[in-house]
Every structure is written in C-alpha cells, then in structure tokens.
Amino acid sequence: MIIQLQLSDKTYERLLASGSRLQGTIGLVSPNEGNFNEHVRHTSNGNGDYKYIRLRHGRASVGPKRVRLALNIALDETGITPADILMDESRQASDFVDHVFDARL
C-alpha cells in the first residue's frame, strides 16, 4: 500500500537535519492520503543538572526547578499492599530529596 503523507515544514527540517526517525501518528484523510503529526517531546528547561533515584515501582528526580515522584503499582502484583508501597517508596524519595538538597548547600 502506498500512502502520501503531508508533513509540516518544521517536522521535515528536523527529519533532514537529524537523519534519524521521528515518532508520530498518521491521521488518514482518505485511504491513500494522511497527515503526519509528530509526537510532542517535553524537554527540561534546565541545564540537565538533575539527580534521580530508581525505586522498585518508579523513580524520583530532583532538578534545579522541580522535584518529581512517579510510581506505577500493578494491582495484580502479589504480596503487596499499594498503600504500603506508596508510603515506603515516597519515604525513600523524601530521604533522597533531603540528601540532594543537603549536598547542594
């Protein structure tokens, strides 16, 4: 099957400049024509000066402008209680954040 895609100028320039693949979605206008919409990538506005720790169910990171905690707990995981995981891993993340702030001062 051959599909004709329409790209934005900005996406086309990035494709030529990088020489690598771009991720996105194709919205079909007809069975043989579509529009390519590049996935949005969020980049940090900082200088990349961040620290992170991997947790059993997620990750905690500390940057110059924000602190982030992300946990992903499967409800079908055996032998755990989600509330206990939230408390334990948020405590670990809190200790990590304190350690990073103490090291910066």
PDB file of N, CA and C in Angstrom:
ATOM      1  N   MET A   1       0.845  -1.169   0.000  1.00  0.00           N
ATOM      2  CA  MET A   1       0.000   0.000   0.000  1.00  0.00           C
ATOM      3  C   MET A   1       0.895   1.239   0.000  1.00  0.00           C
ATOM      4  N   ILE A   2       0.539   2.228  -0.747  1.00  0.00           N
ATOM      5  CA  ILE A   2       1.268   3.483  -0.808  1.00  0.00           C
ATOM      6  C   ILE A   2       0.374   4.568  -0.227  1.00  0.00           C
ATOM      7  N   ILE A   3       0.947   5.308   0.742  1.00  0.00           N
ATOM      8  CA  ILE A   3       0.218   6.408   1.365  1.00  0.00           C
ATOM      9  C   ILE A   3       1.029   7.683   1.173  1.00  0.00           C
ATOM     10  N   GLN A   4       0.380   8.733   0.723  1.00  0.00           N
ATOM     11  CA  GLN A   4       1.037  10.034   0.618  1.00  0.00           C
ATOM     12  C   GLN A   4       0.842  10.773   1.929  1.00  0.00           C
ATOM     13  N   LEU A   5       1.956  11.249   2.518  1.00  0.00           N
ATOM     14  CA  LEU A   5       1.896  11.944   3.796  1.00  0.00           C
ATOM     15  C   LEU A   5       2.208  13.422   3.628  1.00  0.00           C
ATOM     16  N   GLN A   6       1.537  14.205   4.421  1.00  0.00           N
ATOM     17  CA  GLN A   6       1.820  15.627   4.465  1.00  0.00           C
ATOM     18  C   GLN A   6       2.504  15.920   5.791  1.00  0.00           C
ATOM     19  N   LEU A   7       3.701  16.549   5.730  1.00  0.00           N
ATOM     20  CA  LEU A   7       4.485  16.905   6.913  1.00  0.00           C
ATOM     21  C   LEU A   7       4.530  18.413   7.046  1.00  0.00           C
ATOM     22  N   SER A   8       4.629  18.878   8.280  1.00  0.00           N
ATOM     23  CA  SER A   8       4.845  20.310   8.472  1.00  0.00           C
ATOM     24  C   SER A   8       6.282  20.644   8.081  1.00  0.00           C
ATOM     25  N   ASP A   9       6.534  21.905   7.779  1.00  0.00           N
ATOM     26  CA  ASP A   9       7.885  22.330   7.403  1.00  0.00           C
ATOM     27  C   ASP A   9       8.879  22.054   8.528  1.00  0.00           C
ATOM     28  N   LYS A  10       8.448  22.323   9.743  1.00  0.00           N
ATOM     29  CA  LYS A  10       9.324  22.128  10.908  1.00  0.00           C
ATOM     30  C   LYS A  10       9.696  20.651  11.077  1.00  0.00           C
ATOM     31  N   THR A  11       8.733  19.768  10.915  1.00  0.00           N
ATOM     32  CA  THR A  11       8.987  18.329  11.025  1.00  0.00           C
ATOM     33  C   THR A  11       9.913  17.859   9.912  1.00  0.00           C
ATOM     34  N   TYR A  12       9.698  18.361   8.704  1.00  0.00           N
ATOM     35  CA  TYR A  12      10.536  17.980   7.566  1.00  0.00           C
ATOM     36  C   TYR A  12      11.984  18.432   7.785  1.00  0.00           C
ATOM     37  N   GLU A  13      12.160  19.644   8.287  1.00  0.00           N
ATOM     38  CA  GLU A  13      13.510  20.151   8.560  1.00  0.00           C
ATOM     39  C   GLU A  13      14.207  19.319   9.631  1.00  0.00           C
ATOM     40  N   ARG A  14      13.455  18.943  10.683  1.00  0.00           N
ATOM     41  CA  ARG A  14      14.042  18.105  11.738  1.00  0.00           C
ATOM     42  C   ARG A  14      14.428  16.735  11.192  1.00  0.00           C
ATOM     43  N   LEU A  15      13.623  16.200  10.310  1.00  0.00           N
ATOM     44  CA  LEU A  15      13.906  14.897   9.711  1.00  0.00           C
ATOM     45  C   LEU A  15      15.185  14.949   8.883  1.00  0.00           C
ATOM     46  N   LEU A  16      15.341  15.983   8.081  1.00  0.00           N
ATOM     47  CA  LEU A  16      16.540  16.122   7.260  1.00  0.00           C
ATOM     48  C   LEU A  16      17.774  16.412   8.116  1.00  0.00           C
ATOM     49  N   ALA A  17      17.625  17.240   9.131  1.00  0.00           N
ATOM     50  CA  ALA A  17      18.769  17.631   9.951  1.00  0.00           C
ATOM     51  C   ALA A  17      19.269  16.482  10.819  1.00  0.00           C
ATOM     52  N   SER A  18      18.355  15.708  11.376  1.00  0.00           N
ATOM     53  CA  SER A  18      18.760  14.653  12.311  1.00  0.00           C
ATOM     54  C   SER A  18      19.184  13.379  11.582  1.00  0.00           C
ATOM     55  N   GLY A  19      18.556  13.095  10.468  1.00  0.00           N
ATOM     56  CA  GLY A  19      18.868  11.869   9.748  1.00  0.00           C
ATOM     57  C   GLY A  19      18.366  10.619  10.446  1.00  0.00           C
ATOM     58  N   SER A  20      17.553  10.800  11.464  1.00  0.00           N
ATOM     59  CA  SER A  20      17.012   9.638  12.179  1.00  0.00           C
ATOM     60  C   SER A  20      15.494   9.640  12.078  1.00  0.00           C
ATOM     61  N   ARG A  21      14.895   8.683  12.724  1.00  0.00           N
ATOM     62  CA  ARG A  21      13.444   8.534  12.652  1.00  0.00           C
ATOM     63  C   ARG A  21      12.734   9.539  13.546  1.00  0.00           C
ATOM     64  N   LEU A  22      11.490   9.824  13.213  1.00  0.00           N
ATOM     65  CA  LEU A  22      10.621  10.648  14.034  1.00  0.00           C
ATOM     66  C   LEU A  22       9.415   9.812  14.433  1.00  0.00           C
ATOM     67  N   GLN A  23       8.982   9.972  15.653  1.00  0.00           N
ATOM     68  CA  GLN A  23       7.806   9.246  16.106  1.00  0.00           C
ATOM     69  C   GLN A  23       6.586  10.149  16.006  1.00  0.00           C
ATOM     70  N   GLY A  24       5.481   9.561  15.618  1.00  0.00           N
ATOM     71  CA  GLY A  24       4.253  10.327  15.497  1.00  0.00           C
ATOM     72  C   GLY A  24       3.095   9.450  15.087  1.00  0.00           C
ATOM     73  N   THR A  25       2.018  10.086  14.738  1.00  0.00           N
ATOM     74  CA  THR A  25       0.822   9.376  14.298  1.00  0.00           C
ATOM     75  C   THR A  25       0.428   9.859  12.916  1.00  0.00           C
ATOM     76  N   ILE A  26      -0.304   9.029  12.214  1.00  0.00           N
ATOM     77  CA  ILE A  26      -0.798   9.375  10.883  1.00  0.00           C
ATOM     78  C   ILE A  26      -2.316   9.461  10.962  1.00  0.00           C
ATOM     79  N   GLY A  27      -2.824  10.610  10.617  1.00  0.00           N
ATOM     80  CA  GLY A  27      -4.267  10.798  10.534  1.00  0.00           C
ATOM     81  C   GLY A  27      -4.683  10.692   9.079  1.00  0.00           C
ATOM     82  N   LEU A  28      -5.419   9.642   8.741  1.00  0.00           N
ATOM     83  CA  LEU A  28      -5.809   9.424   7.346  1.00  0.00           C
ATOM     84  C   LEU A  28      -6.920  10.375   6.934  1.00  0.00           C
ATOM     85  N   VAL A  29      -6.706  11.027   5.818  1.00  0.00           N
ATOM     86  CA  VAL A  29      -7.707  11.903   5.223  1.00  0.00           C
ATOM     87  C   VAL A  29      -8.562  11.100   4.250  1.00  0.00           C
ATOM     88  N   SER A  30      -7.903  10.169   3.569  1.00  0.00           N
ATOM     89  CA  SER A  30      -8.563   9.233   2.661  1.00  0.00           C
ATOM     90  C   SER A  30      -7.757   7.934   2.760  1.00  0.00           C
ATOM     91  N   PRO A  31      -8.175   6.876   2.102  1.00  0.00           N
ATOM     92  CA  PRO A  31      -7.418   5.621   2.203  1.00  0.00           C
ATOM     93  C   PRO A  31      -5.970   5.713   1.731  1.00  0.00           C
ATOM     94  N   ASN A  32      -5.629   6.696   0.921  1.00  0.00           N
ATOM     95  CA  ASN A  32      -4.267   6.809   0.399  1.00  0.00           C
ATOM     96  C   ASN A  32      -3.561   8.102   0.778  1.00  0.00           C
ATOM     97  N   GLU A  33      -4.168   8.952   1.602  1.00  0.00           N
ATOM     98  CA  GLU A  33      -3.567  10.223   1.985  1.00  0.00           C
ATOM     99  C   GLU A  33      -3.706  10.420   3.486  1.00  0.00           C
ATOM    100  N   GLY A  34      -2.667  11.024   4.075  1.00  0.00           N
ATOM    101  CA  GLY A  34      -2.721  11.269   5.504  1.00  0.00           C
ATOM    102  C   GLY A  34      -1.821  12.409   5.936  1.00  0.00           C
ATOM    103  N   ASN A  35      -2.027  12.857   7.144  1.00  0.00           N
ATOM    104  CA  ASN A  35      -1.212  13.897   7.759  1.00  0.00           C
ATOM    105  C   ASN A  35      -0.376  13.260   8.862  1.00  0.00           C
ATOM    106  N   PHE A  36       0.904  13.590   8.897  1.00  0.00           N
ATOM    107  CA  PHE A  36       1.793  13.076   9.932  1.00  0.00           C
ATOM    108  C   PHE A  36       1.862  14.105  11.054  1.00  0.00           C
ATOM    109  N   ASN A  37       1.585  13.666  12.265  1.00  0.00           N
ATOM    110  CA  ASN A  37       1.645  14.531  13.442  1.00  0.00           C
ATOM    111  C   ASN A  37       2.726  13.994  14.376  1.00  0.00           C
ATOM    112  N   GLU A  38       3.796  14.762  14.512  1.00  0.00           N
ATOM    113  CA  GLU A  38       4.914  14.331  15.340  1.00  0.00           C
ATOM    114  C   GLU A  38       4.509  14.346  16.812  1.00  0.00           C
ATOM    115  N   HIS A  39       4.961  13.331  17.561  1.00  0.00           N
ATOM    116  CA  HIS A  39       4.703  13.301  18.991  1.00  0.00           C
ATOM    117  C   HIS A  39       5.453  14.430  19.672  1.00  0.00           C
ATOM    118  N   VAL A  40       4.817  15.045  20.631  1.00  0.00           N
ATOM    119  CA  VAL A  40       5.429  16.146  21.369  1.00  0.00           C
ATOM    120  C   VAL A  40       6.421  15.576  22.363  1.00  0.00           C
ATOM    121  N   ARG A  41       7.591  16.169  22.407  1.00  0.00           N
ATOM    122  CA  ARG A  41       8.613  15.767  23.371  1.00  0.00           C
ATOM    123  C   ARG A  41       8.825  16.927  24.328  1.00  0.00           C
ATOM    124  N   HIS A  42       8.666  16.618  25.602  1.00  0.00           N
ATOM    125  CA  HIS A  42       8.885  17.637  26.623  1.00  0.00           C
ATOM    126  C   HIS A  42      10.333  17.573  27.066  1.00  0.00           C
ATOM    127  N   THR A  43      11.022  18.671  26.914  1.00  0.00           N
ATOM    128  CA  THR A  43      12.406  18.727  27.365  1.00  0.00           C
ATOM    129  C   THR A  43      12.488  19.679  28.541  1.00  0.00           C
ATOM    130  N   SER A  44      13.412  19.405  29.418  1.00  0.00           N
ATOM    131  CA  SER A  44      13.558  20.265  30.579  1.00  0.00           C
ATOM    132  C   SER A  44      14.173  21.594  30.160  1.00  0.00           C
ATOM    133  N   ASN A  45      13.771  22.643  30.831  1.00  0.00           N
ATOM    134  CA  ASN A  45      14.307  23.963  30.543  1.00  0.00           C
ATOM    135  C   ASN A  45      15.600  24.211  31.303  1.00  0.00           C
ATOM    136  N   GLY A  46      15.931  23.305  32.194  1.00  0.00           N
ATOM    137  CA  GLY A  46      17.142  23.468  32.978  1.00  0.00           C
ATOM    138  C   GLY A  46      18.370  23.090  32.183  1.00  0.00           C
ATOM    139  N   ASN A  47      19.476  23.024  32.877  1.00  0.00           N
ATOM    140  CA  ASN A  47      20.731  22.711  32.209  1.00  0.00           C
ATOM    141  C   ASN A  47      21.063  21.227  32.294  1.00  0.00           C
ATOM    142  N   GLY A  48      20.094  20.408  32.653  1.00  0.00           N
ATOM    143  CA  GLY A  48      20.352  18.979  32.758  1.00  0.00           C
ATOM    144  C   GLY A  48      20.972  18.604  34.091  1.00  0.00           C
ATOM    145  N   ASP A  49      21.040  19.562  35.008  1.00  0.00           N
ATOM    146  CA  ASP A  49      21.628  19.331  36.317  1.00  0.00           C
ATOM    147  C   ASP A  49      20.564  18.743  37.245  1.00  0.00           C
ATOM    148  N   TYR A  50      20.280  17.462  37.087  1.00  0.00           N
ATOM    149  CA  TYR A  50      19.302  16.819  37.937  1.00  0.00           C
ATOM    150  C   TYR A  50      19.838  15.484  38.420  1.00  0.00           C
ATOM    151  N   LYS A  51      19.320  15.045  39.535  1.00  0.00           N
ATOM    152  CA  LYS A  51      19.682  13.764  40.125  1.00  0.00           C
ATOM    153  C   LYS A  51      18.418  12.923  40.200  1.00  0.00           C
ATOM    154  N   TYR A  52      18.587  11.610  40.078  1.00  0.00           N
ATOM    155  CA  TYR A  52      17.412  10.764  40.193  1.00  0.00           C
ATOM    156  C   TYR A  52      17.782   9.461  40.895  1.00  0.00           C
ATOM    157  N   ILE A  53      16.749   8.803  41.404  1.00  0.00           N
ATOM    158  CA  ILE A  53      16.903   7.506  42.042  1.00  0.00           C
ATOM    159  C   ILE A  53      15.813   6.599  41.493  1.00  0.00           C
ATOM    160  N   ARG A  54      16.186   5.377  41.209  1.00  0.00           N
ATOM    161  CA  ARG A  54      15.188   4.401  40.764  1.00  0.00           C
ATOM    162  C   ARG A  54      14.634   3.689  41.985  1.00  0.00           C
ATOM    163  N   LEU A  55      13.350   3.601  42.009  1.00  0.00           N
ATOM    164  CA  LEU A  55      12.648   2.893  43.071  1.00  0.00           C
ATOM    165  C   LEU A  55      12.088   1.603  42.493  1.00  0.00           C
ATOM    166  N   ARG A  56      11.643   0.726  43.368  1.00  0.00           N
ATOM    167  CA  ARG A  56      11.129  -0.554  42.880  1.00  0.00           C
ATOM    168  C   ARG A  56       9.945  -0.371  41.942  1.00  0.00           C
ATOM    169  N   HIS A  57       9.101   0.597  42.222  1.00  0.00           N
ATOM    170  CA  HIS A  57       7.905   0.821  41.412  1.00  0.00           C
ATOM    171  C   HIS A  57       7.904   2.182  40.716  1.00  0.00           C
ATOM    172  N   GLY A  58       9.054   2.805  40.576  1.00  0.00           N
ATOM    173  CA  GLY A  58       9.046   4.114  39.923  1.00  0.00           C
ATOM    174  C   GLY A  58      10.382   4.813  39.997  1.00  0.00           C
ATOM    175  N   ARG A  59      10.307   6.136  40.102  1.00  0.00           N
ATOM    176  CA  ARG A  59      11.504   6.959  40.039  1.00  0.00           C
ATOM    177  C   ARG A  59      11.232   8.301  40.706  1.00  0.00           C
ATOM    178  N   ALA A  60      12.251   8.836  41.354  1.00  0.00           N
ATOM    179  CA  ALA A  60      12.188  10.178  41.928  1.00  0.00           C
ATOM    180  C   ALA A  60      13.333  10.987  41.338  1.00  0.00           C
ATOM    181  N   SER A  61      13.068  12.242  40.992  1.00  0.00           N
ATOM    182  CA  SER A  61      14.120  13.091  40.431  1.00  0.00           C
ATOM    183  C   SER A  61      14.055  14.476  41.059  1.00  0.00           C
ATOM    184  N   VAL A  62      15.232  15.097  41.138  1.00  0.00           N
ATOM    185  CA  VAL A  62      15.359  16.438  41.695  1.00  0.00           C
ATOM    186  C   VAL A  62      16.118  17.276  40.679  1.00  0.00           C
ATOM    187  N   GLY A  63      15.514  18.367  40.253  1.00  0.00           N
ATOM    188  CA  GLY A  63      16.156  19.280  39.320  1.00  0.00           C
ATOM    189  C   GLY A  63      16.281  20.651  39.941  1.00  0.00           C
ATOM    190  N   PRO A  64      16.841  21.580  39.198  1.00  0.00           N
ATOM    191  CA  PRO A  64      17.003  22.928  39.734  1.00  0.00           C
ATOM    192  C   PRO A  64      15.679  23.643  39.984  1.00  0.00           C
ATOM    193  N   LYS A  65      14.627  23.251  39.256  1.00  0.00           N
ATOM    194  CA  LYS A  65      13.352  23.954  39.387  1.00  0.00           C
ATOM    195  C   LYS A  65      12.202  23.097  39.908  1.00  0.00           C
ATOM    196  N   ARG A  66      12.388  21.764  39.958  1.00  0.00           N
ATOM    197  CA  ARG A  66      11.266  20.932  40.405  1.00  0.00           C
ATOM    198  C   ARG A  66      11.739  19.603  40.962  1.00  0.00           C
ATOM    199  N   VAL A  67      10.856  19.003  41.739  1.00  0.00           N
ATOM    200  CA  VAL A  67      11.054  17.660  42.285  1.00  0.00           C
ATOM    201  C   VAL A  67       9.907  16.817  41.762  1.00  0.00           C
ATOM    202  N   ARG A  68      10.220  15.573  41.359  1.00  0.00           N
ATOM    203  CA  ARG A  68       9.187  14.735  40.758  1.00  0.00           C
ATOM    204  C   ARG A  68       9.262  13.332  41.337  1.00  0.00           C
ATOM    205  N   LEU A  69       8.099  12.735  41.587  1.00  0.00           N
ATOM    206  CA  LEU A  69       7.987  11.354  42.027  1.00  0.00           C
ATOM    207  C   LEU A  69       6.945  10.680  41.149  1.00  0.00           C
ATOM    208  N   ALA A  70       7.325   9.584  40.517  1.00  0.00           N
ATOM    209  CA  ALA A  70       6.401   8.833  39.675  1.00  0.00           C
ATOM    210  C   ALA A  70       6.429   7.373  40.121  1.00  0.00           C
ATOM    211  N   LEU A  71       5.268   6.837  40.456  1.00  0.00           N
ATOM    212  CA  LEU A  71       5.144   5.442  40.862  1.00  0.00           C
ATOM    213  C   LEU A  71       4.106   4.759  39.985  1.00  0.00           C
ATOM    214  N   ASN A  72       4.347   3.489  39.701  1.00  0.00           N
ATOM    215  CA  ASN A  72       3.429   2.696  38.909  1.00  0.00           C
ATOM    216  C   ASN A  72       3.296   1.342  39.592  1.00  0.00           C
ATOM    217  N   ILE A  73       2.175   1.119  40.227  1.00  0.00           N
ATOM    218  CA  ILE A  73       1.957  -0.092  41.019  1.00  0.00           C
ATOM    219  C   ILE A  73       0.862  -0.923  40.357  1.00  0.00           C
ATOM    220  N   ALA A  74       1.219  -2.130  39.950  1.00  0.00           N
ATOM    221  CA  ALA A  74       0.230  -3.026  39.347  1.00  0.00           C
ATOM    222  C   ALA A  74      -0.641  -3.606  40.450  1.00  0.00           C
ATOM    223  N   LEU A  75      -1.932  -3.543  40.264  1.00  0.00           N
ATOM    224  CA  LEU A  75      -2.844  -4.024  41.297  1.00  0.00           C
ATOM    225  C   LEU A  75      -2.884  -5.542  41.386  1.00  0.00           C
ATOM    226  N   ASP A  76      -2.368  -6.233  40.368  1.00  0.00           N
ATOM    227  CA  ASP A  76      -2.361  -7.686  40.408  1.00  0.00           C
ATOM    228  C   ASP A  76      -1.038  -8.248  40.945  1.00  0.00           C
ATOM    229  N   GLU A  77      -0.149  -7.389  41.411  1.00  0.00           N
ATOM    230  CA  GLU A  77       1.118  -7.831  41.976  1.00  0.00           C
ATOM    231  C   GLU A  77       0.845  -8.526  43.311  1.00  0.00           C
ATOM    232  N   THR A  78       1.384  -9.710  43.481  1.00  0.00           N
ATOM    233  CA  THR A  78       1.084 -10.487  44.680  1.00  0.00           C
ATOM    234  C   THR A  78       1.976 -10.082  45.844  1.00  0.00           C
ATOM    235  N   GLY A  79       1.423 -10.185  47.022  1.00  0.00           N
ATOM    236  CA  GLY A  79       2.190  -9.955  48.244  1.00  0.00           C
ATOM    237  C   GLY A  79       2.458  -8.499  48.570  1.00  0.00           C
ATOM    238  N   ILE A  80       1.725  -7.594  47.962  1.00  0.00           N
ATOM    239  CA  ILE A  80       1.926  -6.181  48.280  1.00  0.00           C
ATOM    240  C   ILE A  80       0.598  -5.520  48.584  1.00  0.00           C
ATOM    241  N   THR A  81       0.691  -4.433  49.301  1.00  0.00           N
ATOM    242  CA  THR A  81      -0.450  -3.570  49.535  1.00  0.00           C
ATOM    243  C   THR A  81      -0.087  -2.219  48.926  1.00  0.00           C
ATOM    244  N   PRO A  82      -0.852  -1.733  47.959  1.00  0.00           N
ATOM    245  CA  PRO A  82      -0.485  -0.479  47.299  1.00  0.00           C
ATOM    246  C   PRO A  82      -0.234   0.682  48.264  1.00  0.00           C
ATOM    247  N   ALA A  83      -1.032   0.773  49.314  1.00  0.00           N
ATOM    248  CA  ALA A  83      -0.842   1.864  50.275  1.00  0.00           C
ATOM    249  C   ALA A  83       0.527   1.764  50.949  1.00  0.00           C
ATOM    250  N   ASP A  84       0.960   0.540  51.260  1.00  0.00           N
ATOM    251  CA  ASP A  84       2.277   0.359  51.878  1.00  0.00           C
ATOM    252  C   ASP A  84       3.400   0.756  50.919  1.00  0.00           C
ATOM    253  N   ILE A  85       3.245   0.403  49.651  1.00  0.00           N
ATOM    254  CA  ILE A  85       4.245   0.762  48.644  1.00  0.00           C
ATOM    255  C   ILE A  85       4.322   2.280  48.512  1.00  0.00           C
ATOM    256  N   LEU A  86       3.159   2.935  48.462  1.00  0.00           N
ATOM    257  CA  LEU A  86       3.144   4.397  48.362  1.00  0.00           C
ATOM    258  C   LEU A  86       3.876   5.032  49.535  1.00  0.00           C
ATOM    259  N   MET A  87       3.619   4.546  50.725  1.00  0.00           N
ATOM    260  CA  MET A  87       4.262   5.122  51.908  1.00  0.00           C
ATOM    261  C   MET A  87       5.760   4.837  51.926  1.00  0.00           C
ATOM    262  N   ASP A  88       6.151   3.595  51.662  1.00  0.00           N
ATOM    263  CA  ASP A  88       7.564   3.222  51.720  1.00  0.00           C
ATOM    264  C   ASP A  88       8.387   3.935  50.654  1.00  0.00           C
ATOM    265  N   GLU A  89       7.920   3.915  49.431  1.00  0.00           N
ATOM    266  CA  GLU A  89       8.713   4.498  48.352  1.00  0.00           C
ATOM    267  C   GLU A  89       8.681   6.019  48.370  1.00  0.00           C
ATOM    268  N   SER A  90       7.592   6.616  48.858  1.00  0.00           N
ATOM    269  CA  SER A  90       7.597   8.075  48.991  1.00  0.00           C
ATOM    270  C   SER A  90       8.535   8.489  50.122  1.00  0.00           C
ATOM    271  N   ARG A  91       8.673   7.660  51.142  1.00  0.00           N
ATOM    272  CA  ARG A  91       9.630   7.938  52.212  1.00  0.00           C
ATOM    273  C   ARG A  91      11.063   7.844  51.682  1.00  0.00           C
ATOM    274  N   GLN A  92      11.326   6.832  50.864  1.00  0.00           N
ATOM    275  CA  GLN A  92      12.652   6.721  50.240  1.00  0.00           C
ATOM    276  C   GLN A  92      12.941   7.936  49.362  1.00  0.00           C
ATOM    277  N   ALA A  93      11.946   8.361  48.586  1.00  0.00           N
ATOM    278  CA  ALA A  93      12.113   9.524  47.713  1.00  0.00           C
ATOM    279  C   ALA A  93      12.344  10.789  48.540  1.00  0.00           C
ATOM    280  N   SER A  94      11.622  10.922  49.642  1.00  0.00           N
ATOM    281  CA  SER A  94      11.786  12.082  50.515  1.00  0.00           C
ATOM    282  C   SER A  94      13.196  12.136  51.092  1.00  0.00           C
ATOM    283  N   ASP A  95      13.716  10.990  51.533  1.00  0.00           N
ATOM    284  CA  ASP A  95      15.085  10.938  52.053  1.00  0.00           C
ATOM    285  C   ASP A  95      16.086  11.310  50.959  1.00  0.00           C
ATOM    286  N   PHE A  96      15.850  10.852  49.746  1.00  0.00           N
ATOM    287  CA  PHE A  96      16.726  11.165  48.622  1.00  0.00           C
ATOM    288  C   PHE A  96      16.718  12.669  48.340  1.00  0.00           C
ATOM    289  N   VAL A  97      15.543  13.277  48.346  1.00  0.00           N
ATOM    290  CA  VAL A  97      15.428  14.717  48.091  1.00  0.00           C
ATOM    291  C   VAL A  97      16.172  15.495  49.176  1.00  0.00           C
ATOM    292  N   ASP A  98      15.983  15.100  50.428  1.00  0.00           N
ATOM    293  CA  ASP A  98      16.718  15.757  51.518  1.00  0.00           C
ATOM    294  C   ASP A  98      18.220  15.641  51.319  1.00  0.00           C
ATOM    295  N   HIS A  99      18.687  14.469  50.930  1.00  0.00           N
ATOM    296  CA  HIS A  99      20.122  14.246  50.704  1.00  0.00           C
ATOM    297  C   HIS A  99      20.653  15.145  49.573  1.00  0.00           C
ATOM    298  N   VAL A 100      19.884  15.260  48.491  1.00  0.00           N
ATOM    299  CA  VAL A 100      20.310  16.104  47.364  1.00  0.00           C
ATOM    300  C   VAL A 100      20.364  17.564  47.786  1.00  0.00           C
ATOM    301  N   PHE A 101      19.351  18.033  48.512  1.00  0.00           N
ATOM    302  CA  PHE A 101      19.348  19.429  48.951  1.00  0.00           C
ATOM    303  C   PHE A 101      20.477  19.699  49.944  1.00  0.00           C
ATOM    304  N   ASP A 102      20.762  18.754  50.829  1.00  0.00           N
ATOM    305  CA  ASP A 102      21.866  18.924  51.779  1.00  0.00           C
ATOM    306  C   ASP A 102      23.202  18.998  51.048  1.00  0.00           C
ATOM    307  N   ALA A 103      23.359  18.214  49.986  1.00  0.00           N
ATOM    308  CA  ALA A 103      24.610  18.212  49.234  1.00  0.00           C
ATOM    309  C   ALA A 103      24.792  19.514  48.446  1.00  0.00           C
ATOM    310  N   ARG A 104      23.709  20.160  48.038  1.00  0.00           N
ATOM    311  CA  ARG A 104      23.805  21.410  47.281  1.00  0.00           C
ATOM    312  C   ARG A 104      24.127  22.599  48.174  1.00  0.00           C
ATOM    313  N   LEU A 105      23.768  22.505  49.437  1.00  0.00           N
ATOM    314  CA  LEU A 105      24.011  23.646  50.337  1.00  0.00           C
ATOM    315  C   LEU A 105      25.383  23.626  50.845  1.00  0.00           C
TER     316      LEU A 105
END
